[in-house]
């Protein structure tokens, strides 16, 4: 499948975010704290984003029992997948690989490739500080990049069809 419009949605504690690619270029990104409150909110927000952007492909994180994502976050990801299924949008789960010491180093590396998102690059947090909201953009971007890289190397999806 050759996807021209790609939406990647990531979920984490207190936030659900997306990045949107068209023609291989990053065009938009956003987040919702409300979508992280429950399954219905995640489903409705994902459905709104999917209806607005009309992607050829939705990328989500592939989660299994070995994931560090909590039960609530896994349920949000399932709700996002459900919205794609309802709208008949192809959805693929991507395994999130650790290629960097932490997500802040990864985010800085992603800015090198996608400089338009640099204003949203969060500074690394102190251990006692809450995680910055903007980090969700980079989690979604990492999922999209993982899928794009797998396609370029001919490995198919980096996770599995959902």
C-alpha atoms as a PDB file:
ATOM      1  CA  UNK A   1       0.000   0.000   0.000  1.00  0.00           C
ATOM      2  CA  UNK A   2       1.313   3.423  -0.921  1.00  0.00           C
ATOM      3  CA  UNK A   3      -0.059   5.897   1.601  1.00  0.00           C
ATOM      4  CA  UNK A   4      -0.085   9.512   0.488  1.00  0.00           C
ATOM      5  CA  UNK A   5      -1.746  10.828   3.647  1.00  0.00           C
ATOM      6  CA  UNK A   6      -0.627   9.380   6.972  1.00  0.00           C
ATOM      7  CA  UNK A   7      -1.899  10.137  10.448  1.00  0.00           C
ATOM      8  CA  UNK A   8       0.051   8.779  13.424  1.00  0.00           C
ATOM      9  CA  UNK A   9      -1.645   8.935  16.814  1.00  0.00           C
ATOM     10  CA  UNK A  10       0.176   8.337  20.099  1.00  0.00           C
ATOM     11  CA  UNK A  11      -1.306   8.034  23.582  1.00  0.00           C
ATOM     12  CA  UNK A  12       0.384   8.614  26.916  1.00  0.00           C
ATOM     13  CA  UNK A  13      -0.618   9.563  30.416  1.00  0.00           C
ATOM     14  CA  UNK A  14      -2.677  12.747  30.231  1.00  0.00           C
ATOM     15  CA  UNK A  15      -2.416  13.286  26.482  1.00  0.00           C
ATOM     16  CA  UNK A  16      -3.203  11.912  23.036  1.00  0.00           C
ATOM     17  CA  UNK A  17      -1.421  13.491  20.095  1.00  0.00           C
ATOM     18  CA  UNK A  18      -1.009  13.164  16.362  1.00  0.00           C
ATOM     19  CA  UNK A  19       1.213  14.069  13.454  1.00  0.00           C
ATOM     20  CA  UNK A  20      -0.066  14.306   9.888  1.00  0.00           C
ATOM     21  CA  UNK A  21       1.972  13.626   6.764  1.00  0.00           C
ATOM     22  CA  UNK A  22       0.916  14.381   3.222  1.00  0.00           C
ATOM     23  CA  UNK A  23       3.076  13.433   0.259  1.00  0.00           C
ATOM     24  CA  UNK A  24       5.866  12.398   2.622  1.00  0.00           C
ATOM     25  CA  UNK A  25       6.045  15.807   4.325  1.00  0.00           C
ATOM     26  CA  UNK A  26       5.054  16.657   7.885  1.00  0.00           C
ATOM     27  CA  UNK A  27       2.160  19.111   7.650  1.00  0.00           C
ATOM     28  CA  UNK A  28       0.384  19.265  10.993  1.00  0.00           C
ATOM     29  CA  UNK A  29       0.366  18.054  14.590  1.00  0.00           C
ATOM     30  CA  UNK A  30      -1.842  18.467  17.617  1.00  0.00           C
ATOM     31  CA  UNK A  31      -2.842  17.044  20.966  1.00  0.00           C
ATOM     32  CA  UNK A  32      -5.798  16.604  23.245  1.00  0.00           C
ATOM     33  CA  UNK A  33      -5.708  16.222  27.006  1.00  0.00           C
ATOM     34  CA  UNK A  34      -9.452  15.533  27.009  1.00  0.00           C
ATOM     35  CA  UNK A  35      -8.951  12.479  24.759  1.00  0.00           C
ATOM     36  CA  UNK A  36      -6.818  10.888  27.469  1.00  0.00           C
ATOM     37  CA  UNK A  37      -9.636  10.888  30.025  1.00  0.00           C
ATOM     38  CA  UNK A  38     -11.383   7.785  28.734  1.00  0.00           C
ATOM     39  CA  UNK A  39     -12.243   5.412  25.939  1.00  0.00           C
ATOM     40  CA  UNK A  40     -15.201   7.450  24.649  1.00  0.00           C
ATOM     41  CA  UNK A  41     -13.191  10.666  24.590  1.00  0.00           C
ATOM     42  CA  UNK A  42     -10.268   8.993  22.794  1.00  0.00           C
ATOM     43  CA  UNK A  43     -12.616   7.378  20.271  1.00  0.00           C
ATOM     44  CA  UNK A  44     -14.432  10.654  19.560  1.00  0.00           C
ATOM     45  CA  UNK A  45     -11.246  12.707  19.238  1.00  0.00           C
ATOM     46  CA  UNK A  46      -9.599  10.121  16.979  1.00  0.00           C
ATOM     47  CA  UNK A  47     -12.739   9.992  14.846  1.00  0.00           C
ATOM     48  CA  UNK A  48     -12.712  13.796  14.540  1.00  0.00           C
ATOM     49  CA  UNK A  49      -9.034  13.831  13.481  1.00  0.00           C
ATOM     50  CA  UNK A  50      -9.579  10.944  11.055  1.00  0.00           C
ATOM     51  CA  UNK A  51     -12.641  12.609   9.541  1.00  0.00           C
ATOM     52  CA  UNK A  52     -10.830  15.928   9.139  1.00  0.00           C
ATOM     53  CA  UNK A  53      -7.548  14.604   7.683  1.00  0.00           C
ATOM     54  CA  UNK A  54      -8.936  11.575   5.803  1.00  0.00           C
ATOM     55  CA  UNK A  55      -5.637   9.660   5.881  1.00  0.00           C
ATOM     56  CA  UNK A  56      -4.920   6.639   3.712  1.00  0.00           C
ATOM     57  CA  UNK A  57      -3.277   5.086   6.766  1.00  0.00           C
ATOM     58  CA  UNK A  58      -3.441   5.443  10.537  1.00  0.00           C
ATOM     59  CA  UNK A  59      -0.357   4.472  12.522  1.00  0.00           C
ATOM     60  CA  UNK A  60      -0.693   3.580  16.196  1.00  0.00           C
ATOM     61  CA  UNK A  61       1.645   1.948  18.667  1.00  0.00           C
ATOM     62  CA  UNK A  62       1.560  -1.834  18.700  1.00  0.00           C
ATOM     63  CA  UNK A  63       1.168  -2.800  22.327  1.00  0.00           C
ATOM     64  CA  UNK A  64       1.391  -6.231  23.872  1.00  0.00           C
ATOM     65  CA  UNK A  65       1.868  -7.502  27.380  1.00  0.00           C
ATOM     66  CA  UNK A  66       5.564  -6.555  27.272  1.00  0.00           C
ATOM     67  CA  UNK A  67       4.853  -2.863  26.780  1.00  0.00           C
ATOM     68  CA  UNK A  68       5.513  -0.223  29.406  1.00  0.00           C
ATOM     69  CA  UNK A  69       2.191   1.431  28.567  1.00  0.00           C
ATOM     70  CA  UNK A  70      -0.369   1.131  31.333  1.00  0.00           C
ATOM     71  CA  UNK A  71      -3.762  -0.511  31.019  1.00  0.00           C
ATOM     72  CA  UNK A  72      -5.544   2.837  30.634  1.00  0.00           C
ATOM     73  CA  UNK A  73      -3.223   4.013  27.852  1.00  0.00           C
ATOM     74  CA  UNK A  74      -3.567   0.659  26.062  1.00  0.00           C
ATOM     75  CA  UNK A  75      -7.355   1.085  26.188  1.00  0.00           C
ATOM     76  CA  UNK A  76      -6.997   4.552  24.618  1.00  0.00           C
ATOM     77  CA  UNK A  77      -4.942   3.082  21.780  1.00  0.00           C
ATOM     78  CA  UNK A  78      -7.645   0.436  21.255  1.00  0.00           C
ATOM     79  CA  UNK A  79     -10.281   3.198  21.125  1.00  0.00           C
ATOM     80  CA  UNK A  80      -8.266   5.018  18.443  1.00  0.00           C
ATOM     81  CA  UNK A  81      -8.057   1.768  16.491  1.00  0.00           C
ATOM     82  CA  UNK A  82     -11.826   1.367  16.864  1.00  0.00           C
ATOM     83  CA  UNK A  83     -12.410   4.803  15.356  1.00  0.00           C
ATOM     84  CA  UNK A  84     -10.290   3.849  12.344  1.00  0.00           C
ATOM     85  CA  UNK A  85     -12.206   0.598  11.954  1.00  0.00           C
ATOM     86  CA  UNK A  86     -15.544   2.426  12.078  1.00  0.00           C
ATOM     87  CA  UNK A  87     -14.381   4.833   9.363  1.00  0.00           C
ATOM     88  CA  UNK A  88     -12.847   1.992   7.322  1.00  0.00           C
ATOM     89  CA  UNK A  89      -9.361   3.511   7.468  1.00  0.00           C
ATOM     90  CA  UNK A  90      -6.410   1.151   7.229  1.00  0.00           C
ATOM     91  CA  UNK A  91      -4.641   0.981  10.592  1.00  0.00           C
ATOM     92  CA  UNK A  92      -1.211  -0.439  11.364  1.00  0.00           C
ATOM     93  CA  UNK A  93       0.438  -0.979  14.721  1.00  0.00           C
ATOM     94  CA  UNK A  94       4.110  -0.120  14.975  1.00  0.00           C
ATOM     95  CA  UNK A  95       6.484  -1.424  17.613  1.00  0.00           C
ATOM     96  CA  UNK A  96       8.114   1.534  19.369  1.00  0.00           C
ATOM     97  CA  UNK A  97      11.825   0.747  19.387  1.00  0.00           C
ATOM     98  CA  UNK A  98      14.283   2.330  21.814  1.00  0.00           C
ATOM     99  CA  UNK A  99      17.041   3.734  19.620  1.00  0.00           C
ATOM    100  CA  UNK A 100      17.989   6.592  21.934  1.00  0.00           C
ATOM    101  CA  UNK A 101      18.925   6.901  25.633  1.00  0.00           C
ATOM    102  CA  UNK A 102      15.617   8.696  26.322  1.00  0.00           C
ATOM    103  CA  UNK A 103      12.679  10.353  24.585  1.00  0.00           C
ATOM    104  CA  UNK A 104      14.209  13.837  24.845  1.00  0.00           C
ATOM    105  CA  UNK A 105      17.300  12.784  22.893  1.00  0.00           C
ATOM    106  CA  UNK A 106      14.995  11.111  20.379  1.00  0.00           C
ATOM    107  CA  UNK A 107      12.899  14.284  20.079  1.00  0.00           C
ATOM    108  CA  UNK A 108      16.029  16.378  19.436  1.00  0.00           C
ATOM    109  CA  UNK A 109      17.071  13.931  16.700  1.00  0.00           C
ATOM    110  CA  UNK A 110      13.613  14.115  15.112  1.00  0.00           C
ATOM    111  CA  UNK A 111      13.854  17.926  15.024  1.00  0.00           C
ATOM    112  CA  UNK A 112      16.956  17.579  12.845  1.00  0.00           C
ATOM    113  CA  UNK A 113      14.853  15.776  10.247  1.00  0.00           C
ATOM    114  CA  UNK A 114      11.644  17.762  10.790  1.00  0.00           C
ATOM    115  CA  UNK A 115      12.771  21.310  11.742  1.00  0.00           C
ATOM    116  CA  UNK A 116       9.256  22.740  11.429  1.00  0.00           C
ATOM    117  CA  UNK A 117       8.348  21.134  14.767  1.00  0.00           C
ATOM    118  CA  UNK A 118      11.352  22.587  16.634  1.00  0.00           C
ATOM    119  CA  UNK A 119       9.325  25.270  18.472  1.00  0.00           C
ATOM    120  CA  UNK A 120       7.482  22.420  20.245  1.00  0.00           C
ATOM    121  CA  UNK A 121      10.660  20.605  21.318  1.00  0.00           C
ATOM    122  CA  UNK A 122      10.460  20.261  25.100  1.00  0.00           C
ATOM    123  CA  UNK A 123      13.462  20.670  27.317  1.00  0.00           C
ATOM    124  CA  UNK A 124      14.428  17.529  29.244  1.00  0.00           C
ATOM    125  CA  UNK A 125      12.598  17.474  32.546  1.00  0.00           C
ATOM    126  CA  UNK A 126      13.972  17.130  36.022  1.00  0.00           C
ATOM    127  CA  UNK A 127      12.959  13.877  37.676  1.00  0.00           C
ATOM    128  CA  UNK A 128      10.482  15.695  39.949  1.00  0.00           C
ATOM    129  CA  UNK A 129       8.811  17.626  37.104  1.00  0.00           C
ATOM    130  CA  UNK A 130       5.807  16.362  35.161  1.00  0.00           C
ATOM    131  CA  UNK A 131       6.363  15.213  31.600  1.00  0.00           C
ATOM    132  CA  UNK A 132       5.903  18.084  29.120  1.00  0.00           C
ATOM    133  CA  UNK A 133       2.702  17.884  27.060  1.00  0.00           C
ATOM    134  CA  UNK A 134       4.581  18.490  23.793  1.00  0.00           C
ATOM    135  CA  UNK A 135       6.544  15.240  24.051  1.00  0.00           C
ATOM    136  CA  UNK A 136       3.480  13.444  22.656  1.00  0.00           C
ATOM    137  CA  UNK A 137       4.127  15.056  19.249  1.00  0.00           C
ATOM    138  CA  UNK A 138       7.501  13.359  19.162  1.00  0.00           C
ATOM    139  CA  UNK A 139       6.077  10.020  20.240  1.00  0.00           C
ATOM    140  CA  UNK A 140       3.623  10.163  17.325  1.00  0.00           C
ATOM    141  CA  UNK A 141       6.396  11.351  15.007  1.00  0.00           C
ATOM    142  CA  UNK A 142       8.628   8.453  16.086  1.00  0.00           C
ATOM    143  CA  UNK A 143       5.829   5.989  15.233  1.00  0.00           C
ATOM    144  CA  UNK A 144       5.405   7.511  11.775  1.00  0.00           C
ATOM    145  CA  UNK A 145       9.154   7.551  11.179  1.00  0.00           C
ATOM    146  CA  UNK A 146       9.441   3.900  12.257  1.00  0.00           C
ATOM    147  CA  UNK A 147       6.749   2.908   9.742  1.00  0.00           C
ATOM    148  CA  UNK A 148       8.277   5.022   6.967  1.00  0.00           C
ATOM    149  CA  UNK A 149      11.733   3.556   7.622  1.00  0.00           C
ATOM    150  CA  UNK A 150      10.341   0.006   7.533  1.00  0.00           C
ATOM    151  CA  UNK A 151       8.656   0.757   4.198  1.00  0.00           C
ATOM    152  CA  UNK A 152      11.893   2.091   2.724  1.00  0.00           C
ATOM    153  CA  UNK A 153      13.839  -1.004   3.742  1.00  0.00           C
ATOM    154  CA  UNK A 154      11.083  -3.295   2.421  1.00  0.00           C
ATOM    155  CA  UNK A 155      10.261  -4.752   5.819  1.00  0.00           C
ATOM    156  CA  UNK A 156       6.547  -3.982   5.500  1.00  0.00           C
ATOM    157  CA  UNK A 157       4.928  -2.699   8.643  1.00  0.00           C
ATOM    158  CA  UNK A 158       7.037  -2.438  11.727  1.00  0.00           C
ATOM    159  CA  UNK A 159       4.333  -4.060  13.822  1.00  0.00           C
ATOM    160  CA  UNK A 160       1.259  -5.652  12.414  1.00  0.00           C
ATOM    161  CA  UNK A 161      -1.969  -4.857  10.666  1.00  0.00           C
ATOM    162  CA  UNK A 162      -4.718  -4.030  13.116  1.00  0.00           C
END
